[in-house]
Protein backbone atom coordinates (compact mmCIF):
# COMPACT_ATOMS: atom_id res chain seq x y z
CA MET A 1 59.41 176.97 115.79
CA LYS A 2 58.12 178.43 119.11
CA LYS A 3 60.94 178.80 121.39
CA ARG A 4 59.79 177.34 124.43
CA GLY A 5 62.93 176.51 126.39
CA THR A 6 63.73 173.66 128.67
CA GLN A 7 60.34 172.71 130.68
CA LEU A 8 59.83 170.39 133.45
CA ILE A 9 58.29 167.27 132.05
CA GLU A 10 57.02 164.45 134.01
CA THR A 11 56.36 160.98 133.56
CA ASP A 12 55.23 157.97 135.17
CA ARG A 13 58.78 156.94 136.60
CA LEU A 14 60.72 160.60 135.84
CA ILE A 15 61.22 164.13 136.02
CA LEU A 16 62.90 165.46 133.49
CA ARG A 17 63.99 169.48 134.31
CA PRO A 18 66.78 171.96 133.56
CA LEU A 19 70.23 170.78 135.34
CA ARG A 20 71.44 172.81 138.03
CA LEU A 21 74.94 173.36 138.98
CA GLU A 22 74.05 171.25 142.35
CA ASP A 23 73.63 168.25 139.99
CA ALA A 24 77.40 167.94 139.21
CA GLN A 25 78.26 165.67 141.35
CA ASP A 26 75.82 163.29 140.51
CA MET A 27 76.51 164.13 136.91
CA TYR A 28 80.14 163.40 137.21
CA ASP A 29 79.52 159.90 139.45
CA ASN A 30 76.53 158.52 137.49
CA TRP A 31 77.57 158.70 133.90
CA ALA A 32 79.89 161.63 133.07
CA SER A 33 83.11 160.02 134.74
CA SER A 34 82.16 156.39 133.33
CA GLN A 35 84.57 155.11 130.30
CA GLU A 36 81.55 152.61 129.79
CA ALA A 37 78.81 155.44 129.67
CA THR A 38 80.75 157.77 127.09
CA ARG A 39 82.28 155.26 124.92
CA TYR A 40 79.91 155.90 122.31
CA VAL A 41 79.41 159.59 122.44
CA THR A 42 81.44 162.34 120.98
CA TRP A 43 83.22 163.63 124.13
CA GLU A 44 85.30 162.17 126.39
CA ALA A 45 84.46 161.09 130.21
CA TYR A 46 85.64 163.97 132.41
CA GLY A 47 88.70 162.98 134.54
CA ASP A 48 87.52 165.63 137.43
CA LEU A 49 84.56 167.51 138.27
CA ALA A 50 85.92 171.31 137.94
CA PRO A 51 85.22 171.36 133.90
CA LEU A 52 81.88 169.60 134.38
CA ILE A 53 80.82 172.29 136.70
CA GLU A 54 82.17 175.26 134.14
CA ARG A 55 80.03 173.08 131.39
CA LEU A 56 76.97 173.92 133.70
CA LYS A 57 77.53 177.30 134.25
CA LEU A 58 77.34 177.67 130.47
CA ARG A 59 74.04 175.50 130.35
CA GLN A 60 72.39 178.19 132.73
CA GLU A 61 73.13 180.99 130.36
CA HIS A 62 71.30 179.16 127.45
CA TYR A 63 68.63 178.05 129.64
CA LEU A 64 67.77 181.47 129.88
CA ASN A 65 67.82 182.35 126.13
CA LYS A 66 65.31 179.43 125.72
CA GLU A 67 66.99 177.85 123.20
CA LEU A 68 68.68 174.92 124.59
CA TYR A 69 66.41 172.13 125.00
CA ASP A 70 68.68 170.03 127.47
CA TRP A 71 66.90 167.89 130.17
CA GLY A 72 68.51 165.86 133.29
CA ILE A 73 66.50 162.95 133.96
CA PHE A 74 65.65 162.01 137.01
CA VAL A 75 64.08 158.38 138.41
CA LYS A 76 61.30 159.60 140.76
CA ASP A 77 61.14 157.11 143.18
CA GLN A 78 65.32 157.47 143.88
CA GLU A 79 65.05 161.03 143.46
CA VAL A 80 68.25 160.77 141.34
CA LEU A 81 69.78 162.23 138.25
CA ILE A 82 70.57 159.03 135.94
CA GLY A 83 71.49 160.83 132.35
CA THR A 84 70.10 163.39 130.19
CA ILE A 85 68.02 163.74 127.04
CA THR A 86 68.59 166.73 124.70
CA PHE A 87 67.47 168.05 121.10
CA VAL A 88 71.32 168.24 119.91
CA ASP A 89 70.64 170.11 117.00
CA LEU A 90 67.20 172.18 116.23
CA SER A 91 66.72 173.96 112.78
CA ASP A 92 64.01 176.70 112.50
CA LEU A 93 64.15 176.23 108.99
CA HIS A 94 63.42 172.57 108.40
CA ARG A 95 61.36 172.55 111.95
CA LEU A 96 63.76 169.29 112.74
CA GLY A 97 65.31 168.01 116.01
CA GLU A 98 68.04 165.59 116.50
CA LEU A 99 67.80 163.81 119.59
CA GLY A 100 70.54 162.72 121.71
CA TYR A 101 70.68 160.72 125.11
CA ILE A 102 72.78 159.48 127.56
CA ILE A 103 72.39 157.34 130.72
CA GLY A 104 74.72 155.70 133.75
CA PRO A 105 75.39 151.92 133.38
CA LYS A 106 73.35 151.46 136.63
CA TRP A 107 70.46 152.45 135.01
CA TRP A 108 70.48 150.41 131.36
CA GLY A 109 68.02 148.13 130.29
CA LYS A 110 64.96 149.30 132.18
CA GLY A 111 63.10 151.54 129.69
CA TYR A 112 63.65 155.02 131.24
CA VAL A 113 65.74 156.26 128.20
CA LEU A 114 62.81 155.16 126.29
CA GLU A 115 60.17 156.51 128.48
CA ALA A 116 62.36 160.19 128.58
CA ALA A 117 62.96 159.69 124.86
CA ARG A 118 58.83 159.37 124.44
CA ALA A 119 58.15 162.68 126.20
CA ILE A 120 60.57 164.59 124.69
CA CYS A 121 59.52 163.58 121.33
CA ARG A 122 55.84 164.83 122.34
CA PHE A 123 57.11 167.92 123.83
CA GLY A 124 59.16 168.47 120.13
CA PHE A 125 56.10 167.64 118.01
CA GLN A 126 53.37 169.21 120.20
CA GLU A 127 55.03 172.11 121.81
CA LEU A 128 57.84 172.89 119.40
CA GLU A 129 55.67 172.13 116.18
CA LEU A 130 58.82 170.35 114.92
CA HIS A 131 58.10 168.14 111.69
CA ARG A 132 60.62 165.19 112.17
CA ILE A 133 62.80 164.04 114.85
CA GLN A 134 65.97 162.15 114.30
CA ALA A 135 68.39 160.29 115.71
CA VAL A 136 71.25 158.48 115.18
CA HIS A 137 73.96 155.88 117.21
CA ASP A 138 77.24 153.92 116.35
CA VAL A 139 76.58 150.82 115.05
CA ARG A 140 78.55 149.22 117.87
CA ASN A 141 75.95 150.66 120.37
CA PRO A 142 72.87 148.55 119.23
CA ALA A 143 70.97 149.00 122.72
CA SER A 144 70.52 152.54 121.50
CA GLY A 145 68.79 151.57 117.99
CA ARG A 146 66.54 149.56 119.84
CA VAL A 147 65.75 152.34 121.30
CA MET A 148 64.92 154.30 118.66
CA GLU A 149 62.91 151.15 116.95
CA LYS A 150 60.82 151.08 120.20
CA LEU A 151 60.45 154.49 119.96
CA GLY A 152 58.17 153.98 116.61
CA MET A 153 61.24 155.79 114.42
CA HIS A 154 62.19 154.22 111.03
CA TYR A 155 65.32 153.30 109.90
CA GLU A 156 66.86 155.42 107.43
CA GLY A 157 70.07 154.16 106.56
CA THR A 158 73.78 153.85 107.67
CA PHE A 159 76.58 156.04 107.19
CA ARG A 160 80.19 154.36 106.75
CA ASP A 161 83.11 155.90 108.24
CA CYS A 162 80.99 159.54 108.43
CA ARG A 163 82.11 160.81 111.84
CA LEU A 164 85.88 161.08 113.46
CA VAL A 165 84.98 160.46 117.06
CA LYS A 166 87.56 160.35 119.62
CA GLY A 167 90.24 159.94 116.86
CA GLU A 168 88.49 156.87 115.08
CA TYR A 169 85.73 156.94 112.34
CA VAL A 170 82.54 155.47 112.94
CA THR A 171 79.71 154.03 111.16
CA LEU A 172 76.57 155.55 112.34
CA LYS A 173 72.88 154.39 111.64
CA GLN A 174 70.02 157.04 111.54
CA TYR A 175 66.02 156.53 112.28
CA ALA A 176 63.94 159.21 112.46
CA PHE A 177 59.93 160.24 112.58
CA LEU A 178 57.81 162.64 111.05
CA ALA A 179 54.78 164.68 113.28
CA ASP A 180 52.02 162.31 111.50
CA GLU A 181 53.68 159.30 112.28
CA PHE A 182 54.76 159.65 116.08
CA ARG A 183 52.87 157.51 118.32
CA ASP A 184 52.48 158.52 122.16
CA GLU A 185 51.90 155.02 123.65
């Protein structure tokens, strides 16, 4: 797999770029402190800004070594950071990437995650030469599964009580597609 690092990507409505320290307040305000937005992710909502700033400082180091693939999602006409999209796991050996994303509730249902995911999958298949991209979602969050379906991913199975998240076992559904199945529509 080629190491490209997080690159600037532009779509019709979005700018996807590496996060900066100055993005911390928008992250905190728009989703990272929201119980609603973080309900189905593995990490707790932030109670204050300081630990979020520390997390962003670590990301800066990882961006430099070109091993982190983590984009802030910015809406062009609003010039606002609404979420992130990431390859949360990459395997060089298997040329496999796992996609993860989160956006603030104010921007749910507007197609932004789908647009960002399509661009990141294109990057993964074309630039990183991935063979497979997969994603999972908590069964209590069917909207995330609809993003995966609209992206053209195939449902592969349900994994009952497979992950302990915030003290509770959760059931996940997995979707994936291969490079030759990706339709850049």
